[in-house]
N, C-alpha and C. Protein backbone atom coordinates (compact mmCIF):
# COMPACT_ATOMS: atom_id res chain seq x y z
N UNK A 1 87.76 48.17 23.53
CA UNK A 1 86.19 47.74 23.41
C UNK A 1 85.79 47.12 24.44
N UNK A 2 84.66 47.87 24.96
CA UNK A 2 84.23 47.43 26.28
C UNK A 2 82.62 47.17 26.01
N UNK A 3 82.66 45.62 25.90
CA UNK A 3 81.25 45.13 25.55
C UNK A 3 80.77 44.59 27.05
N UNK A 4 79.38 44.58 27.15
CA UNK A 4 78.78 43.73 28.23
C UNK A 4 78.44 42.48 27.84
N UNK A 5 77.91 42.02 26.46
CA UNK A 5 77.38 40.74 26.15
C UNK A 5 78.10 40.61 24.69
N UNK A 6 77.59 39.30 24.43
CA UNK A 6 78.15 38.89 23.14
C UNK A 6 77.12 39.66 22.08
N UNK A 7 75.38 39.64 22.73
CA UNK A 7 74.32 40.36 21.75
C UNK A 7 75.01 41.83 21.16
N UNK A 8 75.80 42.72 22.00
CA UNK A 8 76.53 43.86 21.92
C UNK A 8 77.46 43.71 20.75
N UNK A 9 77.80 42.67 20.97
CA UNK A 9 79.33 42.34 19.83
C UNK A 9 78.41 42.26 18.38
N UNK A 10 77.78 41.30 18.93
CA UNK A 10 76.61 41.02 17.31
C UNK A 10 76.05 42.10 16.84
N UNK A 11 75.62 43.08 17.64
CA UNK A 11 74.85 44.36 17.15
C UNK A 11 75.66 45.26 16.43
N UNK A 12 77.14 45.20 16.81
CA UNK A 12 78.04 46.01 16.06
C UNK A 12 78.10 45.26 14.79
N UNK A 13 78.44 44.30 14.86
CA UNK A 13 78.69 43.40 13.46
C UNK A 13 77.75 43.90 12.54
N UNK A 14 76.37 43.54 12.81
CA UNK A 14 75.25 43.74 11.87
C UNK A 14 74.86 45.32 11.76
N UNK A 15 75.48 46.04 12.27
CA UNK A 15 75.43 47.52 12.00
C UNK A 15 76.75 47.69 11.08
N UNK A 16 77.47 47.03 11.05
CA UNK A 16 78.63 46.91 10.21
C UNK A 16 78.86 46.09 8.74
N UNK A 17 78.05 45.19 8.53
CA UNK A 17 78.06 44.14 7.76
C UNK A 17 76.62 44.15 7.12
N UNK A 18 76.65 44.28 5.74
CA UNK A 18 75.31 44.74 5.15
C UNK A 18 74.69 43.06 4.97
N UNK A 19 75.30 42.05 5.32
CA UNK A 19 74.82 40.66 4.90
C UNK A 19 74.01 40.25 6.54
N UNK A 20 74.42 41.13 7.64
CA UNK A 20 74.02 40.40 8.75
C UNK A 20 72.59 41.66 9.07
N UNK A 21 72.66 42.92 8.51
CA UNK A 21 71.89 43.92 9.09
C UNK A 21 70.71 43.41 9.54
N UNK A 22 69.87 42.58 9.10
CA UNK A 22 68.50 42.05 9.23
C UNK A 22 68.40 41.03 10.55
N UNK A 23 69.64 40.57 11.08
CA UNK A 23 69.55 39.61 12.03
C UNK A 23 69.88 40.47 13.37
N UNK A 24 69.17 40.05 14.35
CA UNK A 24 69.16 40.51 15.73
C UNK A 24 68.83 39.47 16.68
N UNK A 25 69.18 39.50 17.84
CA UNK A 25 68.96 37.95 18.98
C UNK A 25 67.39 38.34 19.01
N UNK A 26 66.52 39.30 19.24
CA UNK A 26 65.16 39.21 18.77
C UNK A 26 64.62 38.23 17.79
N UNK A 27 65.20 38.68 16.72
CA UNK A 27 64.47 38.06 15.60
C UNK A 27 64.96 36.42 15.65
N UNK A 28 66.11 36.25 15.97
CA UNK A 28 66.80 34.73 16.15
C UNK A 28 65.97 34.17 16.85
N UNK A 29 65.32 34.55 18.12
CA UNK A 29 64.57 33.62 19.10
C UNK A 29 63.27 33.85 18.81
N UNK A 30 62.84 34.35 17.85
CA UNK A 30 61.44 34.19 16.87
C UNK A 30 61.31 33.33 16.01
N UNK A 31 62.70 32.98 15.22
CA UNK A 31 62.50 32.38 14.09
C UNK A 31 63.71 31.99 13.65
N UNK A 32 64.03 30.78 12.55
CA UNK A 32 65.16 30.54 12.14
C UNK A 32 65.81 31.43 11.05
N UNK A 33 66.94 32.22 11.22
CA UNK A 33 67.54 33.15 10.04
C UNK A 33 68.80 32.62 9.44
N UNK A 34 68.91 32.77 8.23
CA UNK A 34 70.46 32.74 7.50
C UNK A 34 70.75 33.80 6.61
N UNK A 35 71.90 33.94 6.61
CA UNK A 35 72.47 35.06 5.91
C UNK A 35 72.76 34.86 4.45
N UNK A 36 72.51 35.83 3.68
CA UNK A 36 72.39 37.13 4.04
C UNK A 36 71.29 37.67 4.36
N UNK A 37 71.13 38.26 5.11
CA UNK A 37 69.65 39.00 5.62
C UNK A 37 70.03 40.44 5.69
N UNK A 38 69.66 41.24 4.82
CA UNK A 38 70.10 42.66 4.93
C UNK A 38 69.33 43.79 5.37
N UNK A 39 68.11 43.26 5.80
CA UNK A 39 67.14 44.31 6.63
C UNK A 39 66.58 43.54 7.48
N UNK A 40 65.58 44.53 8.18
CA UNK A 40 64.54 43.57 9.18
C UNK A 40 63.74 43.16 8.90
N UNK A 41 63.34 43.38 7.24
CA UNK A 41 62.03 42.71 6.93
C UNK A 41 62.59 41.82 5.80
N UNK A 42 63.82 41.50 5.51
CA UNK A 42 64.29 40.45 4.96
C UNK A 42 64.12 39.24 5.47
N UNK A 43 63.55 38.23 4.84
CA UNK A 43 62.95 36.65 5.61
C UNK A 43 64.36 35.54 5.54
N UNK A 44 65.59 36.38 5.25
CA UNK A 44 66.71 35.52 5.22
C UNK A 44 67.11 34.75 4.04
N UNK A 45 67.99 33.97 4.03
CA UNK A 45 68.47 33.08 2.62
C UNK A 45 68.91 31.54 2.81
N UNK A 46 67.62 30.78 3.33
CA UNK A 46 68.05 29.82 3.49
C UNK A 46 69.03 28.85 2.52
N UNK A 47 68.95 29.14 1.06
CA UNK A 47 69.44 28.37 0.17
C UNK A 47 70.42 29.74 -0.73
N UNK A 48 71.67 29.82 -0.46
CA UNK A 48 72.52 30.78 -0.73
C UNK A 48 72.51 30.89 -2.51
N UNK A 49 72.94 29.65 -2.89
CA UNK A 49 73.13 29.38 -4.06
C UNK A 49 72.26 28.38 -4.96
N UNK A 50 71.21 28.43 -4.42
CA UNK A 50 70.25 27.29 -4.83
C UNK A 50 69.82 27.46 -6.12
N UNK A 51 69.69 28.59 -7.02
CA UNK A 51 69.12 28.64 -8.16
C UNK A 51 70.38 29.20 -9.33
N UNK A 52 71.49 30.02 -8.56
CA UNK A 52 72.33 30.46 -9.36
C UNK A 52 73.62 30.98 -8.19
N UNK A 53 74.76 31.05 -8.96
CA UNK A 53 75.90 31.89 -8.31
C UNK A 53 75.87 33.24 -8.35
N UNK A 54 75.79 33.88 -7.18
CA UNK A 54 76.01 35.44 -7.44
C UNK A 54 76.95 35.85 -8.48
N UNK A 55 77.97 35.22 -8.89
CA UNK A 55 78.50 35.80 -10.31
C UNK A 55 78.51 35.01 -11.26
N UNK A 56 77.32 34.44 -11.41
CA UNK A 56 77.14 33.59 -12.87
C UNK A 56 77.33 31.98 -12.23
N UNK A 57 78.16 31.49 -13.23
CA UNK A 57 78.56 29.75 -12.88
C UNK A 57 79.65 29.71 -11.68
N UNK A 58 80.00 31.05 -11.26
CA UNK A 58 81.07 30.82 -10.37
C UNK A 58 82.76 30.55 -11.15
N UNK A 59 83.68 30.60 -10.51
CA UNK A 59 84.54 30.86 -11.15
C UNK A 59 85.65 30.02 -10.17
N UNK A 60 86.20 28.87 -10.78
CA UNK A 60 86.85 27.75 -10.05
C UNK A 60 87.90 27.42 -10.77
N UNK A 61 89.41 27.38 -10.20
CA UNK A 61 90.53 26.90 -10.70
C UNK A 61 91.53 26.79 -9.55
N UNK A 62 92.18 25.48 -10.18
CA UNK A 62 93.56 25.08 -9.30
C UNK A 62 94.38 25.79 -8.93
N UNK A 63 95.05 25.63 -7.66
CA UNK A 63 95.95 26.72 -7.42
C UNK A 63 97.28 25.57 -6.89
N UNK A 64 98.57 26.16 -7.12
CA UNK A 64 99.58 24.92 -6.55
C UNK A 64 99.67 25.01 -5.20
N UNK A 65 99.76 24.21 -4.63
CA UNK A 65 100.08 23.69 -3.59
C UNK A 65 101.31 24.41 -2.80
N UNK A 66 101.34 25.15 -1.61
CA UNK A 66 102.51 25.86 -1.10
C UNK A 66 102.54 25.62 0.45
N UNK A 67 103.38 25.05 0.95
CA UNK A 67 103.54 24.91 2.47
C UNK A 67 103.81 26.09 3.21
N UNK A 68 103.19 25.60 4.29
CA UNK A 68 102.95 26.56 5.23
C UNK A 68 104.56 27.37 5.43
N UNK A 69 104.53 28.56 5.73
CA UNK A 69 105.76 28.86 6.17
C UNK A 69 105.96 29.17 7.76
N UNK A 70 105.10 28.81 8.30
CA UNK A 70 105.61 29.05 9.86
C UNK A 70 104.83 27.48 10.10
N UNK A 71 105.61 26.79 10.87
CA UNK A 71 105.40 25.44 11.80
C UNK A 71 105.57 25.44 12.98
N UNK A 72 104.83 24.91 13.89
CA UNK A 72 104.77 24.53 15.41
C UNK A 72 106.53 24.45 15.81
N UNK A 73 107.00 24.92 16.37
CA UNK A 73 108.17 24.60 17.08
C UNK A 73 108.28 24.62 18.51
N UNK A 74 109.46 24.51 19.06
CA UNK A 74 109.59 24.59 20.50
C UNK A 74 108.82 26.11 21.31
N UNK A 75 109.12 27.18 20.62
CA UNK A 75 108.26 28.48 21.17
C UNK A 75 107.02 28.57 21.12
N UNK A 76 106.71 27.89 19.67
CA UNK A 76 105.30 28.01 19.53
C UNK A 76 104.88 26.60 19.17
N UNK A 77 104.38 26.08 20.06
CA UNK A 77 104.37 24.21 19.83
C UNK A 77 102.99 24.01 19.37
N UNK A 78 101.90 25.11 18.98
CA UNK A 78 100.45 24.71 18.66
C UNK A 78 100.24 24.97 17.28
N UNK A 79 99.26 24.17 16.72
CA UNK A 79 99.04 24.42 15.34
C UNK A 79 97.87 25.58 15.53
N UNK A 80 97.88 26.59 14.18
CA UNK A 80 96.74 27.76 14.37
C UNK A 80 95.76 27.04 13.49
N UNK A 81 94.24 27.78 13.66
CA UNK A 81 93.11 27.26 12.88
C UNK A 81 93.66 27.28 11.23
N UNK A 82 93.28 25.94 10.69
CA UNK A 82 93.53 25.84 9.40
C UNK A 82 94.49 25.16 9.06
N UNK A 83 95.30 24.80 9.80
CA UNK A 83 96.61 23.59 9.99
C UNK A 83 96.03 22.33 10.21
N UNK A 84 96.57 21.14 10.02
CA UNK A 84 96.15 19.89 10.25
C UNK A 84 97.45 19.20 10.21
N UNK A 85 97.73 18.33 11.61
CA UNK A 85 98.69 17.45 11.58
C UNK A 85 98.76 16.52 10.57
N UNK A 86 99.89 16.18 9.84
CA UNK A 86 99.89 14.75 8.69
C UNK A 86 99.96 13.57 9.83
């Protein structure tokens, strides 16, 4: 990967991801945009689930706690994103 700026990286993400296709640095300089923003004429979506969830009322269920399979040790003493120290 040979990028010369964060903008080039974002342009590639927008080209490959439908929810970001309408977001460019130029548009962000001119206005506030919220994803999903699926085309250059799309106004953005400031309230993603304001009136309804995209799959009806949503699907929520409890899951059983499962401890992490990998914990910090002498070789790898740092926590990764998503882990908290107790």
